[in-house]
């Protein structure tokens, strides 16, 4: 399992930065908007940390 992950990360490291940024933007979109991963927890933590910034 280690070699599979290591190989994937090595191949990922060979990509140019603009491609990595596009990939990270796509993953963010999927995790936040499509799957809604921890959306409520993040909003709650931000309200606790920055109470003056509440909309």
PDB file of N, CA and C in Angstrom:
ATOM      1  N   UNK A   1       0.828  -1.198   0.000  1.00  0.00           N
ATOM      2  CA  UNK A   1       0.000   0.000   0.000  1.00  0.00           C
ATOM      3  C   UNK A   1       0.869   1.257   0.000  1.00  0.00           C
ATOM      4  N   UNK A   2       1.952   1.219   0.769  1.00  0.00           N
ATOM      5  CA  UNK A   2       2.859   2.364   0.847  1.00  0.00           C
ATOM      6  C   UNK A   2       3.394   2.732  -0.529  1.00  0.00           C
ATOM      7  N   UNK A   3       3.796   1.724  -1.310  1.00  0.00           N
ATOM      8  CA  UNK A   3       4.387   1.998  -2.614  1.00  0.00           C
ATOM      9  C   UNK A   3       3.378   2.587  -3.592  1.00  0.00           C
ATOM     10  N   UNK A   4       2.140   2.201  -3.474  1.00  0.00           N
ATOM     11  CA  UNK A   4       1.104   2.752  -4.352  1.00  0.00           C
ATOM     12  C   UNK A   4       0.910   4.236  -4.056  1.00  0.00           C
ATOM     13  N   UNK A   5       0.794   4.569  -2.770  1.00  0.00           N
ATOM     14  CA  UNK A   5       0.603   5.963  -2.388  1.00  0.00           C
ATOM     15  C   UNK A   5       1.846   6.784  -2.719  1.00  0.00           C
ATOM     16  N   UNK A   6       3.017   6.235  -2.421  1.00  0.00           N
ATOM     17  CA  UNK A   6       4.272   6.927  -2.720  1.00  0.00           C
ATOM     18  C   UNK A   6       4.399   7.191  -4.213  1.00  0.00           C
ATOM     19  N   UNK A   7       4.067   6.196  -5.026  1.00  0.00           N
ATOM     20  CA  UNK A   7       4.138   6.361  -6.480  1.00  0.00           C
ATOM     21  C   UNK A   7       3.165   7.418  -6.973  1.00  0.00           C
ATOM     22  N   UNK A   8       1.949   7.419  -6.424  1.00  0.00           N
ATOM     23  CA  UNK A   8       0.959   8.428  -6.808  1.00  0.00           C
ATOM     24  C   UNK A   8       1.432   9.830  -6.434  1.00  0.00           C
ATOM     25  N   UNK A   9       1.946   9.980  -5.224  1.00  0.00           N
ATOM     26  CA  UNK A   9       2.431  11.299  -4.787  1.00  0.00           C
ATOM     27  C   UNK A   9       3.648  11.743  -5.589  1.00  0.00           C
ATOM     28  N   UNK A  10       4.484  10.814  -5.970  1.00  0.00           N
ATOM     29  CA  UNK A  10       5.632  11.161  -6.805  1.00  0.00           C
ATOM     30  C   UNK A  10       5.170  11.672  -8.168  1.00  0.00           C
ATOM     31  N   UNK A  11       4.234  10.972  -8.776  1.00  0.00           N
ATOM     32  CA  UNK A  11       3.703  11.421 -10.067  1.00  0.00           C
ATOM     33  C   UNK A  11       3.011  12.770  -9.942  1.00  0.00           C
ATOM     34  N   UNK A  12       2.314  12.976  -8.838  1.00  0.00           N
ATOM     35  CA  UNK A  12       1.657  14.255  -8.597  1.00  0.00           C
ATOM     36  C   UNK A  12       2.686  15.380  -8.459  1.00  0.00           C
ATOM     37  N   UNK A  13       3.816  15.076  -7.859  1.00  0.00           N
ATOM     38  CA  UNK A  13       4.851  16.099  -7.670  1.00  0.00           C
ATOM     39  C   UNK A  13       5.497  16.521  -8.986  1.00  0.00           C
ATOM     40  N   UNK A  14       5.359  15.730 -10.013  1.00  0.00           N
ATOM     41  CA  UNK A  14       5.938  16.064 -11.311  1.00  0.00           C
ATOM     42  C   UNK A  14       5.082  17.046 -12.103  1.00  0.00           C
ATOM     43  N   UNK A  15       3.839  17.234 -11.678  1.00  0.00           N
ATOM     44  CA  UNK A  15       2.942  18.140 -12.390  1.00  0.00           C
ATOM     45  C   UNK A  15       3.339  19.591 -12.151  1.00  0.00           C
ATOM     46  N   UNK A  16       3.119  20.455 -13.128  1.00  0.00           N
ATOM     47  CA  UNK A  16       3.385  21.883 -12.917  1.00  0.00           C
ATOM     48  C   UNK A  16       2.367  22.483 -11.944  1.00  0.00           C
ATOM     49  N   UNK A  17       2.761  23.574 -11.282  1.00  0.00           N
ATOM     50  CA  UNK A  17       1.921  24.187 -10.265  1.00  0.00           C
ATOM     51  C   UNK A  17       0.528  24.580 -10.774  1.00  0.00           C
ATOM     52  N   UNK A  18       0.378  25.155 -11.966  1.00  0.00           N
ATOM     53  CA  UNK A  18      -0.992  25.500 -12.409  1.00  0.00           C
ATOM     54  C   UNK A  18      -1.926  24.288 -12.472  1.00  0.00           C
ATOM     55  N   UNK A  19      -1.407  23.136 -12.842  1.00  0.00           N
ATOM     56  CA  UNK A  19      -2.226  21.927 -12.902  1.00  0.00           C
ATOM     57  C   UNK A  19      -2.591  21.477 -11.492  1.00  0.00           C
ATOM     58  N   UNK A  20      -1.646  21.568 -10.566  1.00  0.00           N
ATOM     59  CA  UNK A  20      -1.915  21.196  -9.176  1.00  0.00           C
ATOM     60  C   UNK A  20      -2.967  22.123  -8.583  1.00  0.00           C
ATOM     61  N   UNK A  21      -2.874  23.419  -8.885  1.00  0.00           N
ATOM     62  CA  UNK A  21      -3.867  24.374  -8.381  1.00  0.00           C
ATOM     63  C   UNK A  21      -5.262  24.083  -8.937  1.00  0.00           C
ATOM     64  N   UNK A  22      -5.351  23.752 -10.214  1.00  0.00           N
ATOM     65  CA  UNK A  22      -6.646  23.393 -10.798  1.00  0.00           C
ATOM     66  C   UNK A  22      -7.203  22.132 -10.151  1.00  0.00           C
ATOM     67  N   UNK A  23      -6.340  21.166  -9.912  1.00  0.00           N
ATOM     68  CA  UNK A  23      -6.762  19.935  -9.267  1.00  0.00           C
ATOM     69  C   UNK A  23      -7.261  20.206  -7.850  1.00  0.00           C
ATOM     70  N   UNK A  24      -6.567  21.060  -7.111  1.00  0.00           N
ATOM     71  CA  UNK A  24      -6.994  21.363  -5.742  1.00  0.00           C
ATOM     72  C   UNK A  24      -8.306  22.143  -5.739  1.00  0.00           C
ATOM     73  N   UNK A  25      -8.503  23.043  -6.694  1.00  0.00           N
ATOM     74  CA  UNK A  25      -9.777  23.757  -6.793  1.00  0.00           C
ATOM     75  C   UNK A  25     -10.928  22.794  -7.079  1.00  0.00           C
ATOM     76  N   UNK A  26     -10.687  21.819  -7.926  1.00  0.00           N
ATOM     77  CA  UNK A  26     -11.711  20.822  -8.243  1.00  0.00           C
ATOM     78  C   UNK A  26     -12.043  19.966  -7.019  1.00  0.00           C
ATOM     79  N   UNK A  27     -11.023  19.551  -6.291  1.00  0.00           N
ATOM     80  CA  UNK A  27     -11.248  18.748  -5.090  1.00  0.00           C
ATOM     81  C   UNK A  27     -11.999  19.561  -4.042  1.00  0.00           C
ATOM     82  N   UNK A  28     -11.646  20.854  -3.890  1.00  0.00           N
ATOM     83  CA  UNK A  28     -12.363  21.728  -2.958  1.00  0.00           C
ATOM     84  C   UNK A  28     -13.842  21.808  -3.334  1.00  0.00           C
ATOM     85  N   UNK A  29     -14.121  22.019  -4.611  1.00  0.00           N
ATOM     86  CA  UNK A  29     -15.508  22.118  -5.066  1.00  0.00           C
ATOM     87  C   UNK A  29     -16.278  20.847  -4.731  1.00  0.00           C
ATOM     88  N   UNK A  30     -15.672  19.696  -5.015  1.00  0.00           N
ATOM     89  CA  UNK A  30     -16.342  18.432  -4.716  1.00  0.00           C
ATOM     90  C   UNK A  30     -16.586  18.261  -3.223  1.00  0.00           C
ATOM     91  N   UNK A  31     -15.572  18.496  -2.422  1.00  0.00           N
ATOM     92  CA  UNK A  31     -15.686  18.250  -0.985  1.00  0.00           C
ATOM     93  C   UNK A  31     -16.640  19.226  -0.309  1.00  0.00           C
ATOM     94  N   UNK A  32     -16.644  20.475  -0.724  1.00  0.00           N
ATOM     95  CA  UNK A  32     -17.450  21.480  -0.028  1.00  0.00           C
ATOM     96  C   UNK A  32     -18.873  21.567  -0.568  1.00  0.00           C
ATOM     97  N   UNK A  33     -19.013  21.639  -1.874  1.00  0.00           N
ATOM     98  CA  UNK A  33     -20.340  21.864  -2.448  1.00  0.00           C
ATOM     99  C   UNK A  33     -21.092  20.580  -2.794  1.00  0.00           C
ATOM    100  N   UNK A  34     -20.404  19.572  -3.281  1.00  0.00           N
ATOM    101  CA  UNK A  34     -21.083  18.347  -3.706  1.00  0.00           C
ATOM    102  C   UNK A  34     -21.325  17.423  -2.514  1.00  0.00           C
ATOM    103  N   UNK A  35     -20.279  17.153  -1.740  1.00  0.00           N
ATOM    104  CA  UNK A  35     -20.406  16.222  -0.624  1.00  0.00           C
ATOM    105  C   UNK A  35     -20.737  16.915   0.688  1.00  0.00           C
ATOM    106  N   UNK A  36     -20.472  18.211   0.802  1.00  0.00           N
ATOM    107  CA  UNK A  36     -20.782  18.953   2.012  1.00  0.00           C
ATOM    108  C   UNK A  36     -19.992  18.495   3.223  1.00  0.00           C
ATOM    109  N   UNK A  37     -18.766  18.084   2.998  1.00  0.00           N
ATOM    110  CA  UNK A  37     -17.940  17.519   4.062  1.00  0.00           C
ATOM    111  C   UNK A  37     -17.664  18.539   5.153  1.00  0.00           C
ATOM    112  N   UNK A  38     -18.180  18.298   6.360  1.00  0.00           N
ATOM    113  CA  UNK A  38     -17.930  19.079   7.564  1.00  0.00           C
ATOM    114  C   UNK A  38     -18.313  20.554   7.422  1.00  0.00           C
ATOM    115  N   UNK A  39     -19.257  20.849   6.570  1.00  0.00           N
ATOM    116  CA  UNK A  39     -19.642  22.235   6.324  1.00  0.00           C
ATOM    117  C   UNK A  39     -20.179  22.898   7.595  1.00  0.00           C
ATOM    118  N   UNK A  40     -21.021  22.206   8.331  1.00  0.00           N
ATOM    119  CA  UNK A  40     -21.586  22.774   9.555  1.00  0.00           C
ATOM    120  C   UNK A  40     -20.520  22.974  10.628  1.00  0.00           C
ATOM    121  N   UNK A  41     -19.605  22.021  10.745  1.00  0.00           N
ATOM    122  CA  UNK A  41     -18.536  22.130  11.737  1.00  0.00           C
ATOM    123  C   UNK A  41     -17.620  23.301  11.427  1.00  0.00           C
ATOM    124  N   UNK A  42     -17.283  23.480  10.168  1.00  0.00           N
ATOM    125  CA  UNK A  42     -16.425  24.592   9.774  1.00  0.00           C
ATOM    126  C   UNK A  42     -17.113  25.922  10.062  1.00  0.00           C
ATOM    127  N   UNK A  43     -18.380  26.049   9.719  1.00  0.00           N
ATOM    128  CA  UNK A  43     -19.117  27.288   9.967  1.00  0.00           C
ATOM    129  C   UNK A  43     -19.208  27.578  11.460  1.00  0.00           C
ATOM    130  N   UNK A  44     -19.448  26.548  12.260  1.00  0.00           N
ATOM    131  CA  UNK A  44     -19.523  26.720  13.713  1.00  0.00           C
ATOM    132  C   UNK A  44     -18.182  27.186  14.286  1.00  0.00           C
ATOM    133  N   UNK A  45     -17.104  26.559  13.854  1.00  0.00           N
ATOM    134  CA  UNK A  45     -15.773  26.942  14.338  1.00  0.00           C
ATOM    135  C   UNK A  45     -15.409  28.366  13.931  1.00  0.00           C
ATOM    136  N   UNK A  46     -15.791  28.772  12.730  1.00  0.00           N
ATOM    137  CA  UNK A  46     -15.507  30.141  12.300  1.00  0.00           C
ATOM    138  C   UNK A  46     -16.319  31.150  13.107  1.00  0.00           C
ATOM    139  N   UNK A  47     -17.567  30.808  13.443  1.00  0.00           N
ATOM    140  CA  UNK A  47     -18.360  31.709  14.287  1.00  0.00           C
ATOM    141  C   UNK A  47     -17.747  31.852  15.671  1.00  0.00           C
ATOM    142  N   UNK A  48     -17.202  30.769  16.214  1.00  0.00           N
ATOM    143  CA  UNK A  48     -16.560  30.821  17.533  1.00  0.00           C
ATOM    144  C   UNK A  48     -15.264  31.633  17.465  1.00  0.00           C
ATOM    145  N   UNK A  49     -14.468  31.416  16.424  1.00  0.00           N
ATOM    146  CA  UNK A  49     -13.166  32.076  16.317  1.00  0.00           C
ATOM    147  C   UNK A  49     -13.279  33.554  15.968  1.00  0.00           C
ATOM    148  N   UNK A  50     -14.250  33.894  15.131  1.00  0.00           N
ATOM    149  CA  UNK A  50     -14.393  35.271  14.657  1.00  0.00           C
ATOM    150  C   UNK A  50     -15.828  35.752  14.838  1.00  0.00           C
ATOM    151  N   UNK A  51     -16.259  35.992  16.065  1.00  0.00           N
ATOM    152  CA  UNK A  51     -17.654  36.385  16.290  1.00  0.00           C
ATOM    153  C   UNK A  51     -18.016  37.737  15.679  1.00  0.00           C
ATOM    154  N   UNK A  52     -17.029  38.606  15.488  1.00  0.00           N
ATOM    155  CA  UNK A  52     -17.307  39.918  14.913  1.00  0.00           C
ATOM    156  C   UNK A  52     -17.508  39.869  13.396  1.00  0.00           C
ATOM    157  N   UNK A  53     -17.176  38.742  12.773  1.00  0.00           N
ATOM    158  CA  UNK A  53     -17.286  38.614  11.318  1.00  0.00           C
ATOM    159  C   UNK A  53     -18.566  37.916  10.878  1.00  0.00           C
ATOM    160  N   UNK A  54     -19.504  37.704  11.783  1.00  0.00           N
ATOM    161  CA  UNK A  54     -20.754  37.014  11.445  1.00  0.00           C
ATOM    162  C   UNK A  54     -21.562  37.860  10.470  1.00  0.00           C
ATOM    163  N   UNK A  55     -22.099  37.218   9.446  1.00  0.00           N
ATOM    164  CA  UNK A  55     -22.890  37.936   8.434  1.00  0.00           C
ATOM    165  C   UNK A  55     -24.241  38.293   8.964  1.00  0.00           C
TER     166      UNK A  55
END
